N, C-alpha and C. Protein backbone atom coordinates (compact mmCIF):
# COMPACT_ATOMS: atom_id res chain seq x y z
N UNK A 1 0.84 -1.20 0.00
CA UNK A 1 0.00 0.00 0.00
C UNK A 1 0.88 1.25 0.00
N UNK A 2 0.55 2.20 -0.87
CA UNK A 2 1.26 3.47 -0.93
C UNK A 2 0.81 4.33 0.25
N UNK A 3 1.76 4.90 0.95
CA UNK A 3 1.40 5.66 2.14
C UNK A 3 0.82 7.02 1.81
N UNK A 4 1.37 7.70 0.80
CA UNK A 4 0.99 9.08 0.54
C UNK A 4 0.77 9.29 -0.95
N UNK A 5 -0.40 9.80 -1.31
CA UNK A 5 -0.69 10.15 -2.68
C UNK A 5 -0.71 11.66 -2.84
N UNK A 6 -0.21 12.14 -3.97
CA UNK A 6 -0.17 13.57 -4.25
C UNK A 6 -1.00 13.82 -5.51
N UNK A 7 -2.13 14.50 -5.36
CA UNK A 7 -2.94 14.86 -6.51
C UNK A 7 -2.60 16.30 -6.90
N UNK A 8 -1.83 16.43 -7.97
CA UNK A 8 -1.30 17.72 -8.38
C UNK A 8 0.21 17.68 -8.18
N UNK A 9 0.96 17.76 -9.26
CA UNK A 9 2.40 17.55 -9.16
C UNK A 9 3.18 18.79 -9.53
N UNK A 10 2.64 19.97 -9.19
CA UNK A 10 3.34 21.22 -9.40
C UNK A 10 4.36 21.48 -8.31
N UNK A 11 4.65 22.75 -8.06
CA UNK A 11 5.70 23.09 -7.10
C UNK A 11 5.37 22.64 -5.69
N UNK A 12 4.13 22.87 -5.26
CA UNK A 12 3.76 22.47 -3.89
C UNK A 12 3.73 20.96 -3.76
N UNK A 13 2.96 20.30 -4.64
CA UNK A 13 2.84 18.85 -4.54
C UNK A 13 4.15 18.13 -4.78
N UNK A 14 4.89 18.59 -5.78
CA UNK A 14 6.18 17.95 -6.06
C UNK A 14 7.15 18.09 -4.90
N UNK A 15 7.17 19.26 -4.29
CA UNK A 15 8.11 19.50 -3.18
C UNK A 15 7.72 18.71 -1.93
N UNK A 16 6.44 18.73 -1.56
CA UNK A 16 6.01 18.00 -0.37
C UNK A 16 6.16 16.49 -0.58
N UNK A 17 5.84 16.01 -1.78
CA UNK A 17 5.98 14.59 -2.05
C UNK A 17 7.42 14.13 -1.99
N UNK A 18 8.32 14.90 -2.58
CA UNK A 18 9.74 14.54 -2.54
C UNK A 18 10.27 14.58 -1.11
N UNK A 19 9.82 15.53 -0.34
CA UNK A 19 10.26 15.66 1.05
C UNK A 19 9.79 14.45 1.86
N UNK A 20 8.52 14.06 1.68
CA UNK A 20 8.00 12.90 2.40
C UNK A 20 8.74 11.63 1.99
N UNK A 21 9.06 11.51 0.69
CA UNK A 21 9.81 10.35 0.23
C UNK A 21 11.20 10.31 0.87
N UNK A 22 11.82 11.47 1.01
CA UNK A 22 13.13 11.54 1.65
C UNK A 22 13.06 11.15 3.12
N UNK A 23 11.88 11.32 3.72
CA UNK A 23 11.68 10.92 5.11
C UNK A 23 11.33 9.44 5.25
N UNK A 24 11.23 8.75 4.10
CA UNK A 24 10.99 7.31 4.15
C UNK A 24 9.61 6.85 3.75
N UNK A 25 8.72 7.78 3.37
CA UNK A 25 7.37 7.39 2.97
C UNK A 25 7.36 6.92 1.52
N UNK A 26 6.48 5.96 1.22
CA UNK A 26 6.22 5.61 -0.18
C UNK A 26 5.21 6.62 -0.72
N UNK A 27 5.50 7.18 -1.89
CA UNK A 27 4.74 8.31 -2.43
C UNK A 27 4.35 8.01 -3.87
N UNK A 28 3.15 8.43 -4.24
CA UNK A 28 2.72 8.34 -5.64
C UNK A 28 2.15 9.69 -6.08
N UNK A 29 2.46 10.08 -7.30
CA UNK A 29 2.02 11.35 -7.85
C UNK A 29 1.03 11.11 -8.99
N UNK A 30 0.07 12.02 -9.11
CA UNK A 30 -0.75 12.08 -10.30
C UNK A 30 -0.95 13.55 -10.65
N UNK A 31 -1.30 13.80 -11.90
CA UNK A 31 -1.48 15.18 -12.35
C UNK A 31 -2.34 15.17 -13.61
N UNK A 32 -2.86 16.34 -13.95
CA UNK A 32 -3.66 16.46 -15.17
C UNK A 32 -2.85 16.04 -16.39
N UNK A 33 -1.57 16.38 -16.39
CA UNK A 33 -0.67 15.99 -17.46
C UNK A 33 0.26 14.90 -16.93
N UNK A 34 0.22 13.74 -17.52
CA UNK A 34 0.99 12.59 -17.04
C UNK A 34 2.48 12.91 -16.92
N UNK A 35 3.00 13.70 -17.85
CA UNK A 35 4.42 14.02 -17.82
C UNK A 35 4.81 14.76 -16.54
N UNK A 36 3.90 15.59 -16.02
CA UNK A 36 4.19 16.31 -14.78
C UNK A 36 4.34 15.35 -13.61
N UNK A 37 3.46 14.36 -13.53
CA UNK A 37 3.56 13.37 -12.45
C UNK A 37 4.83 12.56 -12.58
N UNK A 38 5.20 12.21 -13.80
CA UNK A 38 6.41 11.42 -14.00
C UNK A 38 7.66 12.22 -13.62
N UNK A 39 7.68 13.52 -13.95
CA UNK A 39 8.82 14.36 -13.55
C UNK A 39 8.92 14.45 -12.04
N UNK A 40 7.78 14.64 -11.38
CA UNK A 40 7.78 14.74 -9.92
C UNK A 40 8.27 13.44 -9.29
N UNK A 41 7.85 12.31 -9.83
CA UNK A 41 8.26 11.02 -9.29
C UNK A 41 9.77 10.80 -9.47
N UNK A 42 10.29 11.17 -10.63
CA UNK A 42 11.73 11.02 -10.86
C UNK A 42 12.52 11.89 -9.89
N UNK A 43 12.05 13.11 -9.70
CA UNK A 43 12.75 14.02 -8.80
C UNK A 43 12.70 13.54 -7.35
N UNK A 44 11.64 12.82 -6.99
CA UNK A 44 11.48 12.36 -5.61
C UNK A 44 12.30 11.12 -5.30
N UNK A 45 12.76 10.40 -6.32
CA UNK A 45 13.63 9.25 -6.07
C UNK A 45 12.92 7.91 -6.08
N UNK A 46 13.61 6.90 -5.58
CA UNK A 46 13.15 5.53 -5.74
C UNK A 46 11.92 5.18 -4.93
N UNK A 47 11.57 5.98 -3.94
CA UNK A 47 10.38 5.70 -3.14
C UNK A 47 9.11 6.25 -3.78
N UNK A 48 9.22 6.88 -4.94
CA UNK A 48 8.07 7.54 -5.56
C UNK A 48 7.80 6.98 -6.95
N UNK A 49 6.54 7.07 -7.37
CA UNK A 49 6.16 6.69 -8.72
C UNK A 49 4.97 7.52 -9.17
N UNK A 50 4.71 7.50 -10.45
CA UNK A 50 3.56 8.19 -11.03
C UNK A 50 2.45 7.18 -11.30
N UNK A 51 1.20 7.58 -11.01
CA UNK A 51 0.05 6.70 -11.21
C UNK A 51 -1.10 7.49 -11.84
N UNK A 52 -1.96 6.82 -12.58
CA UNK A 52 -3.22 7.46 -12.98
C UNK A 52 -4.06 7.76 -11.74
N UNK A 53 -4.93 8.76 -11.84
CA UNK A 53 -5.73 9.16 -10.68
C UNK A 53 -6.59 8.02 -10.16
N UNK A 54 -7.16 7.20 -11.05
CA UNK A 54 -8.01 6.09 -10.60
C UNK A 54 -7.23 5.14 -9.70
N UNK A 55 -6.00 4.84 -10.08
CA UNK A 55 -5.17 3.92 -9.29
C UNK A 55 -4.72 4.58 -7.99
N UNK A 56 -4.41 5.86 -8.06
CA UNK A 56 -4.02 6.59 -6.86
C UNK A 56 -5.15 6.56 -5.83
N UNK A 57 -6.39 6.80 -6.28
CA UNK A 57 -7.54 6.81 -5.38
C UNK A 57 -7.74 5.45 -4.72
N UNK A 58 -7.47 4.38 -5.45
CA UNK A 58 -7.63 3.02 -4.89
C UNK A 58 -6.54 2.68 -3.90
N UNK A 59 -5.30 3.04 -4.20
CA UNK A 59 -4.16 2.50 -3.46
C UNK A 59 -3.69 3.34 -2.29
N UNK A 60 -3.99 4.64 -2.28
CA UNK A 60 -3.45 5.52 -1.23
C UNK A 60 -4.47 5.73 -0.13
N UNK A 61 -4.01 5.67 1.10
CA UNK A 61 -4.88 5.94 2.24
C UNK A 61 -4.95 7.41 2.58
N UNK A 62 -3.95 8.16 2.16
CA UNK A 62 -3.86 9.57 2.50
C UNK A 62 -3.47 10.34 1.23
N UNK A 63 -4.31 11.31 0.85
CA UNK A 63 -4.06 12.07 -0.36
C UNK A 63 -3.88 13.55 -0.04
N UNK A 64 -2.79 14.13 -0.51
CA UNK A 64 -2.61 15.57 -0.45
C UNK A 64 -3.18 16.16 -1.73
N UNK A 65 -4.16 17.06 -1.58
CA UNK A 65 -4.82 17.68 -2.73
C UNK A 65 -4.14 19.01 -3.00
N UNK A 66 -3.17 19.00 -3.92
CA UNK A 66 -2.38 20.20 -4.19
C UNK A 66 -2.69 20.80 -5.55
N UNK A 67 -3.62 20.22 -6.28
CA UNK A 67 -4.05 20.79 -7.56
C UNK A 67 -4.85 22.06 -7.30
N UNK A 68 -5.09 22.89 -8.32
CA UNK A 68 -5.96 24.06 -8.14
C UNK A 68 -7.33 23.63 -7.61
N UNK A 69 -7.89 24.42 -6.71
CA UNK A 69 -9.15 24.04 -6.07
C UNK A 69 -10.24 23.71 -7.09
N UNK A 70 -10.35 24.49 -8.15
CA UNK A 70 -11.42 24.29 -9.12
C UNK A 70 -11.36 22.92 -9.80
N UNK A 71 -10.20 22.29 -9.78
CA UNK A 71 -10.03 20.99 -10.44
C UNK A 71 -10.31 19.81 -9.51
N UNK A 72 -10.31 20.06 -8.21
CA UNK A 72 -10.30 18.93 -7.27
C UNK A 72 -11.60 18.15 -7.28
N UNK A 73 -12.72 18.80 -7.02
CA UNK A 73 -13.99 18.07 -6.92
C UNK A 73 -14.36 17.40 -8.24
N UNK A 74 -14.31 18.10 -9.40
CA UNK A 74 -14.65 17.41 -10.65
C UNK A 74 -13.73 16.23 -10.96
N UNK A 75 -12.45 16.35 -10.62
CA UNK A 75 -11.50 15.28 -10.92
C UNK A 75 -11.71 14.06 -10.03
N UNK A 76 -12.01 14.29 -8.75
CA UNK A 76 -12.14 13.18 -7.80
C UNK A 76 -13.53 12.55 -7.80
N UNK A 77 -14.53 13.28 -8.29
CA UNK A 77 -15.92 12.80 -8.21
C UNK A 77 -16.11 11.38 -8.76
N UNK A 78 -15.51 11.01 -9.90
CA UNK A 78 -15.74 9.65 -10.40
C UNK A 78 -15.18 8.56 -9.49
N UNK A 79 -14.34 8.93 -8.53
CA UNK A 79 -13.67 7.94 -7.69
C UNK A 79 -14.11 8.02 -6.23
N UNK A 80 -15.29 8.59 -6.01
CA UNK A 80 -15.74 8.81 -4.63
C UNK A 80 -15.84 7.51 -3.84
N UNK A 81 -16.24 6.43 -4.50
CA UNK A 81 -16.35 5.14 -3.78
C UNK A 81 -14.98 4.67 -3.29
N UNK A 82 -13.94 4.92 -4.08
CA UNK A 82 -12.59 4.51 -3.68
C UNK A 82 -12.02 5.38 -2.58
N UNK A 83 -12.61 6.56 -2.37
CA UNK A 83 -12.10 7.50 -1.38
C UNK A 83 -12.78 7.36 -0.03
N UNK A 84 -13.71 6.44 0.10
CA UNK A 84 -14.41 6.25 1.37
C UNK A 84 -13.42 5.84 2.45
N UNK A 85 -13.50 6.53 3.58
CA UNK A 85 -12.63 6.21 4.71
C UNK A 85 -11.21 6.72 4.59
N UNK A 86 -10.90 7.43 3.53
CA UNK A 86 -9.53 7.91 3.32
C UNK A 86 -9.39 9.37 3.73
N UNK A 87 -8.17 9.75 4.02
CA UNK A 87 -7.89 11.12 4.46
C UNK A 87 -7.56 11.96 3.23
N UNK A 88 -8.29 13.06 3.07
CA UNK A 88 -8.04 14.02 2.00
C UNK A 88 -7.53 15.30 2.65
N UNK A 89 -6.29 15.65 2.36
CA UNK A 89 -5.69 16.85 2.93
C UNK A 89 -5.79 17.97 1.90
N UNK A 90 -6.64 18.94 2.19
CA UNK A 90 -6.85 20.04 1.25
C UNK A 90 -5.73 21.07 1.42
N UNK A 91 -4.83 21.11 0.44
CA UNK A 91 -3.72 22.05 0.45
C UNK A 91 -4.05 23.25 -0.45
N UNK A 92 -5.16 23.16 -1.16
CA UNK A 92 -5.52 24.18 -2.15
C UNK A 92 -6.17 25.39 -1.48
N UNK A 93 -6.41 26.41 -2.28
CA UNK A 93 -7.15 27.60 -1.83
C UNK A 93 -8.07 28.05 -2.95
N UNK A 94 -9.32 28.40 -2.63
CA UNK A 94 -10.26 28.85 -3.66
C UNK A 94 -10.02 30.31 -4.01
N UNK A 95 -9.07 30.55 -4.90
CA UNK A 95 -8.69 31.92 -5.24
C UNK A 95 -8.93 32.18 -6.73
N UNK A 96 -9.06 33.45 -7.05
CA UNK A 96 -9.27 33.87 -8.43
C UNK A 96 -8.01 33.62 -9.25
N UNK A 97 -8.13 33.57 -10.58
CA UNK A 97 -6.96 33.30 -11.41
C UNK A 97 -5.80 34.27 -11.22
N UNK A 98 -6.10 35.52 -10.83
CA UNK A 98 -5.01 36.48 -10.62
C UNK A 98 -4.45 36.43 -9.21
N UNK A 99 -4.96 35.51 -8.37
CA UNK A 99 -4.47 35.31 -6.99
C UNK A 99 -4.67 36.56 -6.13
N UNK A 100 -5.69 37.35 -6.44
CA UNK A 100 -5.93 38.58 -5.69
C UNK A 100 -7.13 38.50 -4.76
N UNK A 101 -7.96 37.47 -4.88
CA UNK A 101 -9.16 37.39 -4.05
C UNK A 101 -9.60 35.94 -3.90
N UNK A 102 -10.36 35.67 -2.85
CA UNK A 102 -10.97 34.36 -2.65
C UNK A 102 -12.27 34.28 -3.45
N UNK A 103 -12.64 33.09 -3.84
CA UNK A 103 -13.90 32.90 -4.56
C UNK A 103 -15.03 32.47 -3.63
N UNK A 104 -14.72 32.24 -2.37
CA UNK A 104 -15.75 31.90 -1.38
C UNK A 104 -15.22 32.23 0.00
N UNK A 105 -16.12 32.28 0.97
CA UNK A 105 -15.71 32.59 2.33
C UNK A 105 -16.90 32.93 3.20
N UNK A 106 -16.67 33.36 4.41
CA UNK A 106 -17.67 33.75 5.41
C UNK A 106 -18.50 32.54 5.87
N UNK A 107 -19.28 31.92 4.97
CA UNK A 107 -20.19 30.86 5.39
C UNK A 107 -19.72 29.47 4.95
N UNK A 108 -18.61 29.41 4.23
CA UNK A 108 -18.06 28.12 3.80
C UNK A 108 -16.60 28.32 3.42
N UNK A 109 -15.97 27.24 3.02
CA UNK A 109 -14.57 27.28 2.59
C UNK A 109 -14.37 26.21 1.54
N UNK A 110 -13.25 26.27 0.86
CA UNK A 110 -12.95 25.23 -0.11
C UNK A 110 -12.90 23.86 0.52
N UNK A 111 -12.28 23.77 1.68
CA UNK A 111 -12.16 22.48 2.37
C UNK A 111 -13.52 21.92 2.76
N UNK A 112 -14.43 22.79 3.22
CA UNK A 112 -15.77 22.33 3.58
C UNK A 112 -16.55 21.85 2.37
N UNK A 113 -16.35 22.51 1.23
CA UNK A 113 -17.02 22.07 0.01
C UNK A 113 -16.52 20.69 -0.42
N UNK A 114 -15.23 20.45 -0.27
CA UNK A 114 -14.69 19.12 -0.57
C UNK A 114 -15.29 18.09 0.38
N UNK A 115 -15.41 18.44 1.65
CA UNK A 115 -15.98 17.51 2.64
C UNK A 115 -17.45 17.22 2.34
N UNK A 116 -18.18 18.21 1.87
CA UNK A 116 -19.59 17.98 1.53
C UNK A 116 -19.72 17.04 0.34
N UNK A 117 -18.81 17.17 -0.61
CA UNK A 117 -18.88 16.32 -1.80
C UNK A 117 -18.41 14.91 -1.51
N UNK A 118 -17.51 14.75 -0.55
CA UNK A 118 -16.98 13.42 -0.21
C UNK A 118 -17.20 13.17 1.28
N UNK A 119 -18.47 13.00 1.69
CA UNK A 119 -18.79 12.91 3.13
C UNK A 119 -18.24 11.68 3.82
N UNK A 120 -17.87 10.65 3.06
CA UNK A 120 -17.34 9.44 3.68
C UNK A 120 -15.82 9.44 3.74
N UNK A 121 -15.20 10.55 3.34
CA UNK A 121 -13.76 10.74 3.52
C UNK A 121 -13.53 11.67 4.70
N UNK A 122 -12.30 11.66 5.22
CA UNK A 122 -11.95 12.56 6.32
C UNK A 122 -11.11 13.70 5.74
N UNK A 123 -11.67 14.90 5.73
CA UNK A 123 -10.99 16.05 5.11
C UNK A 123 -10.28 16.86 6.19
N UNK A 124 -9.03 17.18 5.94
CA UNK A 124 -8.22 18.02 6.83
C UNK A 124 -7.64 19.15 5.99
N UNK A 125 -7.69 20.36 6.52
CA UNK A 125 -7.06 21.51 5.85
C UNK A 125 -5.67 21.70 6.44
N UNK A 126 -4.65 21.74 5.60
CA UNK A 126 -3.27 21.93 6.09
C UNK A 126 -2.35 22.28 4.93
N UNK A 127 -1.19 22.81 5.25
CA UNK A 127 -0.12 23.10 4.29
C UNK A 127 -0.50 24.18 3.28
N UNK A 128 -1.60 24.90 3.47
CA UNK A 128 -2.10 25.80 2.42
C UNK A 128 -1.57 27.21 2.50
N UNK A 129 -0.92 27.60 3.60
CA UNK A 129 -0.56 29.01 3.80
C UNK A 129 0.95 29.23 3.85
N UNK A 130 1.69 28.36 3.17
CA UNK A 130 3.15 28.47 3.11
C UNK A 130 3.57 28.40 1.65
N UNK A 131 4.52 29.22 1.26
CA UNK A 131 4.95 29.25 -0.13
C UNK A 131 5.61 27.94 -0.55
N UNK A 132 5.40 27.56 -1.80
CA UNK A 132 6.04 26.38 -2.36
C UNK A 132 7.55 26.45 -2.24
N UNK A 133 8.10 27.66 -2.32
CA UNK A 133 9.55 27.81 -2.23
C UNK A 133 10.09 27.36 -0.87
N UNK A 134 9.31 27.53 0.18
CA UNK A 134 9.70 27.04 1.51
C UNK A 134 9.76 25.51 1.50
N UNK A 135 8.74 24.89 0.90
CA UNK A 135 8.72 23.43 0.82
C UNK A 135 9.86 22.91 -0.06
N UNK A 136 10.10 23.59 -1.17
CA UNK A 136 11.15 23.15 -2.08
C UNK A 136 12.52 23.21 -1.42
N UNK A 137 12.75 24.24 -0.60
CA UNK A 137 14.03 24.39 0.09
C UNK A 137 14.10 23.55 1.36
N UNK A 138 12.96 22.95 1.75
CA UNK A 138 12.87 22.16 2.99
C UNK A 138 13.30 22.99 4.19
N UNK A 139 12.84 24.21 4.20
CA UNK A 139 13.11 25.10 5.33
C UNK A 139 12.04 24.90 6.38
N UNK A 140 12.43 24.69 7.61
CA UNK A 140 11.47 24.51 8.69
C UNK A 140 11.54 25.63 9.72
N UNK A 141 12.50 26.53 9.55
CA UNK A 141 12.58 27.67 10.46
C UNK A 141 13.22 28.85 9.75
N UNK A 142 12.95 30.02 10.28
CA UNK A 142 13.54 31.26 9.77
C UNK A 142 14.07 32.03 10.98
N UNK A 143 15.35 32.38 10.93
CA UNK A 143 16.00 33.08 12.04
C UNK A 143 15.77 32.37 13.37
N UNK A 144 15.86 31.05 13.33
CA UNK A 144 15.76 30.26 14.55
C UNK A 144 14.36 30.01 15.05
N UNK A 145 13.35 30.53 14.36
CA UNK A 145 11.95 30.31 14.76
C UNK A 145 11.32 29.26 13.85
N UNK A 146 10.71 28.24 14.46
CA UNK A 146 10.03 27.20 13.69
C UNK A 146 8.87 27.79 12.90
N UNK A 147 8.74 27.37 11.67
CA UNK A 147 7.59 27.74 10.86
C UNK A 147 6.38 26.95 11.34
N UNK A 148 5.24 27.64 11.46
CA UNK A 148 4.01 27.01 11.91
C UNK A 148 3.20 26.52 10.72
N UNK A 149 2.70 25.30 10.81
CA UNK A 149 1.73 24.77 9.84
C UNK A 149 0.49 24.38 10.62
N UNK A 150 -0.63 24.97 10.24
CA UNK A 150 -1.89 24.75 10.95
C UNK A 150 -2.71 23.67 10.27
N UNK A 151 -3.44 22.90 11.06
CA UNK A 151 -4.28 21.83 10.53
C UNK A 151 -5.66 21.92 11.16
N UNK A 152 -6.69 21.92 10.35
CA UNK A 152 -8.07 21.99 10.83
C UNK A 152 -8.85 20.80 10.28
N UNK A 153 -9.67 20.19 11.12
CA UNK A 153 -10.47 19.06 10.67
C UNK A 153 -11.42 18.59 11.74
N UNK A 154 -12.47 17.89 11.33
CA UNK A 154 -13.49 17.41 12.27
C UNK A 154 -13.21 15.98 12.73
N UNK A 155 -12.40 15.24 12.00
CA UNK A 155 -12.10 13.85 12.34
C UNK A 155 -10.77 13.82 13.07
N UNK A 156 -10.82 13.65 14.38
CA UNK A 156 -9.61 13.80 15.19
C UNK A 156 -8.50 12.81 14.83
N UNK A 157 -8.79 11.52 14.62
CA UNK A 157 -7.70 10.61 14.25
C UNK A 157 -7.02 11.02 12.94
N UNK A 158 -7.80 11.49 11.96
CA UNK A 158 -7.21 11.93 10.69
C UNK A 158 -6.34 13.16 10.92
N UNK A 159 -6.85 14.10 11.70
CA UNK A 159 -6.07 15.31 11.96
C UNK A 159 -4.80 14.98 12.72
N UNK A 160 -4.86 14.02 13.62
CA UNK A 160 -3.67 13.61 14.36
C UNK A 160 -2.61 13.05 13.40
N UNK A 161 -3.03 12.30 12.39
CA UNK A 161 -2.07 11.78 11.41
C UNK A 161 -1.39 12.91 10.65
N UNK A 162 -2.16 13.94 10.30
CA UNK A 162 -1.58 15.06 9.55
C UNK A 162 -0.67 15.89 10.44
N UNK A 163 -1.05 16.07 11.67
CA UNK A 163 -0.17 16.77 12.61
C UNK A 163 1.15 16.01 12.77
N UNK A 164 1.06 14.68 12.78
CA UNK A 164 2.29 13.87 12.86
C UNK A 164 3.15 14.06 11.61
N UNK A 165 2.51 14.13 10.43
CA UNK A 165 3.26 14.37 9.19
C UNK A 165 3.94 15.74 9.23
N UNK A 166 3.21 16.75 9.68
CA UNK A 166 3.77 18.10 9.80
C UNK A 166 5.00 18.08 10.71
N UNK A 167 4.87 17.40 11.82
CA UNK A 167 5.98 17.33 12.78
C UNK A 167 7.16 16.55 12.20
N UNK A 168 6.90 15.46 11.49
CA UNK A 168 7.99 14.66 10.91
C UNK A 168 8.77 15.46 9.87
N UNK A 169 8.09 16.36 9.18
CA UNK A 169 8.80 17.20 8.21
C UNK A 169 9.64 18.27 8.91
N UNK A 170 9.34 18.52 10.17
CA UNK A 170 10.15 19.45 10.94
C UNK A 170 9.50 20.77 11.27
N UNK A 171 8.23 20.95 10.87
CA UNK A 171 7.51 22.18 11.19
C UNK A 171 6.92 22.11 12.60
N UNK A 172 6.41 23.25 13.05
CA UNK A 172 5.67 23.31 14.31
C UNK A 172 4.18 23.15 13.98
N UNK A 173 3.58 21.99 14.29
CA UNK A 173 2.16 21.82 13.98
C UNK A 173 1.28 22.48 15.03
N UNK A 174 0.18 23.04 14.58
CA UNK A 174 -0.81 23.61 15.48
C UNK A 174 -2.18 23.07 15.09
N UNK A 175 -2.89 22.51 16.06
CA UNK A 175 -4.26 22.07 15.84
C UNK A 175 -5.14 23.31 15.75
N UNK A 176 -5.68 23.57 14.57
CA UNK A 176 -6.48 24.78 14.34
C UNK A 176 -7.97 24.55 14.51
N UNK A 177 -8.34 23.44 15.14
CA UNK A 177 -9.73 23.22 15.45
C UNK A 177 -10.52 22.55 14.34
N UNK A 178 -11.84 22.79 14.30
CA UNK A 178 -12.70 22.10 13.35
C UNK A 178 -12.47 22.55 11.91
N UNK A 179 -13.01 21.79 10.98
CA UNK A 179 -12.81 22.09 9.56
C UNK A 179 -13.38 23.46 9.19
N UNK A 180 -14.40 23.90 9.90
CA UNK A 180 -14.97 25.23 9.61
C UNK A 180 -13.93 26.33 9.74
N UNK A 181 -12.88 26.09 10.50
CA UNK A 181 -11.83 27.10 10.65
C UNK A 181 -10.97 27.23 9.40
N UNK A 182 -11.20 26.37 8.40
CA UNK A 182 -10.57 26.59 7.10
C UNK A 182 -11.01 27.92 6.51
N UNK A 183 -12.15 28.45 6.96
CA UNK A 183 -12.60 29.78 6.52
C UNK A 183 -11.62 30.87 6.92
N UNK A 184 -10.79 30.59 7.93
CA UNK A 184 -9.77 31.54 8.36
C UNK A 184 -8.41 31.19 7.78
N UNK A 185 -8.16 29.90 7.56
CA UNK A 185 -6.86 29.48 7.03
C UNK A 185 -6.72 29.86 5.55
N UNK A 186 -7.80 29.82 4.81
CA UNK A 186 -7.71 30.17 3.40
C UNK A 186 -7.41 31.65 3.18
N UNK A 187 -8.04 32.57 3.91
CA UNK A 187 -7.60 33.98 3.81
C UNK A 187 -6.17 34.19 4.27
N UNK A 188 -5.68 33.37 5.19
CA UNK A 188 -4.29 33.48 5.63
C UNK A 188 -3.34 33.23 4.46
N UNK A 189 -3.71 32.29 3.60
CA UNK A 189 -2.90 32.04 2.41
C UNK A 189 -2.90 33.25 1.49
N UNK A 190 -4.06 33.87 1.33
CA UNK A 190 -4.14 35.05 0.47
C UNK A 190 -3.30 36.19 1.04
N UNK A 191 -3.29 36.35 2.36
CA UNK A 191 -2.44 37.36 2.99
C UNK A 191 -0.97 37.05 2.71
N UNK A 192 -0.59 35.78 2.78
CA UNK A 192 0.78 35.38 2.49
C UNK A 192 1.16 35.78 1.06
N UNK A 193 0.26 35.54 0.12
CA UNK A 193 0.51 35.91 -1.27
C UNK A 193 0.65 37.42 -1.41
N UNK A 194 -0.23 38.16 -0.75
CA UNK A 194 -0.16 39.62 -0.83
C UNK A 194 1.16 40.13 -0.27
N UNK A 195 1.55 39.62 0.88
CA UNK A 195 2.81 40.07 1.50
C UNK A 195 4.01 39.71 0.63
N UNK A 196 4.03 38.48 0.16
CA UNK A 196 5.22 37.99 -0.54
C UNK A 196 5.33 38.46 -1.98
N UNK A 197 4.23 38.37 -2.73
CA UNK A 197 4.30 38.62 -4.17
C UNK A 197 3.82 40.00 -4.58
N UNK A 198 2.90 40.58 -3.82
CA UNK A 198 2.35 41.89 -4.19
C UNK A 198 3.10 43.01 -3.49
N UNK A 199 3.34 42.85 -2.21
CA UNK A 199 4.00 43.90 -1.43
C UNK A 199 5.52 43.75 -1.37
N UNK A 200 6.03 42.73 -2.00
CA UNK A 200 7.46 42.66 -2.23
C UNK A 200 8.31 42.03 -1.15
N UNK A 201 7.71 41.31 -0.20
CA UNK A 201 8.52 40.68 0.84
C UNK A 201 9.20 39.41 0.35
N UNK A 202 8.78 38.91 -0.79
CA UNK A 202 9.41 37.71 -1.34
C UNK A 202 8.79 36.43 -0.80
N UNK A 203 9.27 35.31 -1.32
CA UNK A 203 8.69 34.02 -0.94
C UNK A 203 9.45 33.32 0.18
N UNK A 204 10.50 33.93 0.68
CA UNK A 204 11.25 33.35 1.79
C UNK A 204 10.69 33.87 3.12
N UNK A 205 9.37 33.78 3.24
CA UNK A 205 8.67 34.22 4.45
C UNK A 205 7.70 33.12 4.86
N UNK A 206 7.30 33.14 6.12
CA UNK A 206 6.33 32.16 6.61
C UNK A 206 5.77 32.66 7.93
N UNK A 207 4.62 32.11 8.30
CA UNK A 207 3.98 32.48 9.55
C UNK A 207 4.48 31.59 10.70
N UNK A 208 4.64 32.23 11.85
CA UNK A 208 5.04 31.51 13.06
C UNK A 208 4.13 31.96 14.20
N UNK A 209 3.59 31.01 14.92
CA UNK A 209 2.78 31.32 16.09
C UNK A 209 3.68 31.17 17.32
N UNK A 210 3.90 32.28 18.02
CA UNK A 210 4.72 32.25 19.23
C UNK A 210 3.83 32.08 20.45
N UNK A 211 4.24 31.23 21.37
CA UNK A 211 3.44 30.98 22.57
C UNK A 211 4.35 30.58 23.70
N UNK A 212 3.91 30.81 24.92
CA UNK A 212 4.64 30.37 26.09
C UNK A 212 4.48 28.87 26.24
N UNK A 213 5.57 28.18 26.56
CA UNK A 213 5.48 26.74 26.74
C UNK A 213 5.27 26.43 28.20
């Protein structure tokens, strides 16, 4: 059984998948264009391979959804039976093509819409508010401060697995509560984009939650 499936093999999916493979996980990639998945698998090394989406849905217990949000539900819908009982980690954000605004919010979120469409899967929101460049560089801290990765979900065992993955990669995981709190995590990603790409702070930035231990 493949431990981790990556749906979407761009910068975010390719980087997280390669990182997990380097940590010892078996990883499989799929993408809209087969060549993209194959490139990601080659870059990730011998623990990774490329698979068609149908096979990925059958074989993987945990899927990172790193494709654009608009593609996720239509692409996965034919395989809903294979996704029953599986963990879907929504890494996407429902943003406009120019990355300047969200396409939904206030009363729902992209992650909640995925959960409504796949009610027999366990949906967790995580990894969505950090630049791909951070993942590609495998940076877990900046100036000695651990980068925070937040995870929100209603299924506690599933969320615990994702928090463990976050910790194994070296980040500081924070339980962000129920899946409805994805309504706050998705705007956090848009703020990150505004700070880094619009206001000129660059992509070598990340959020850190400081707290007394």
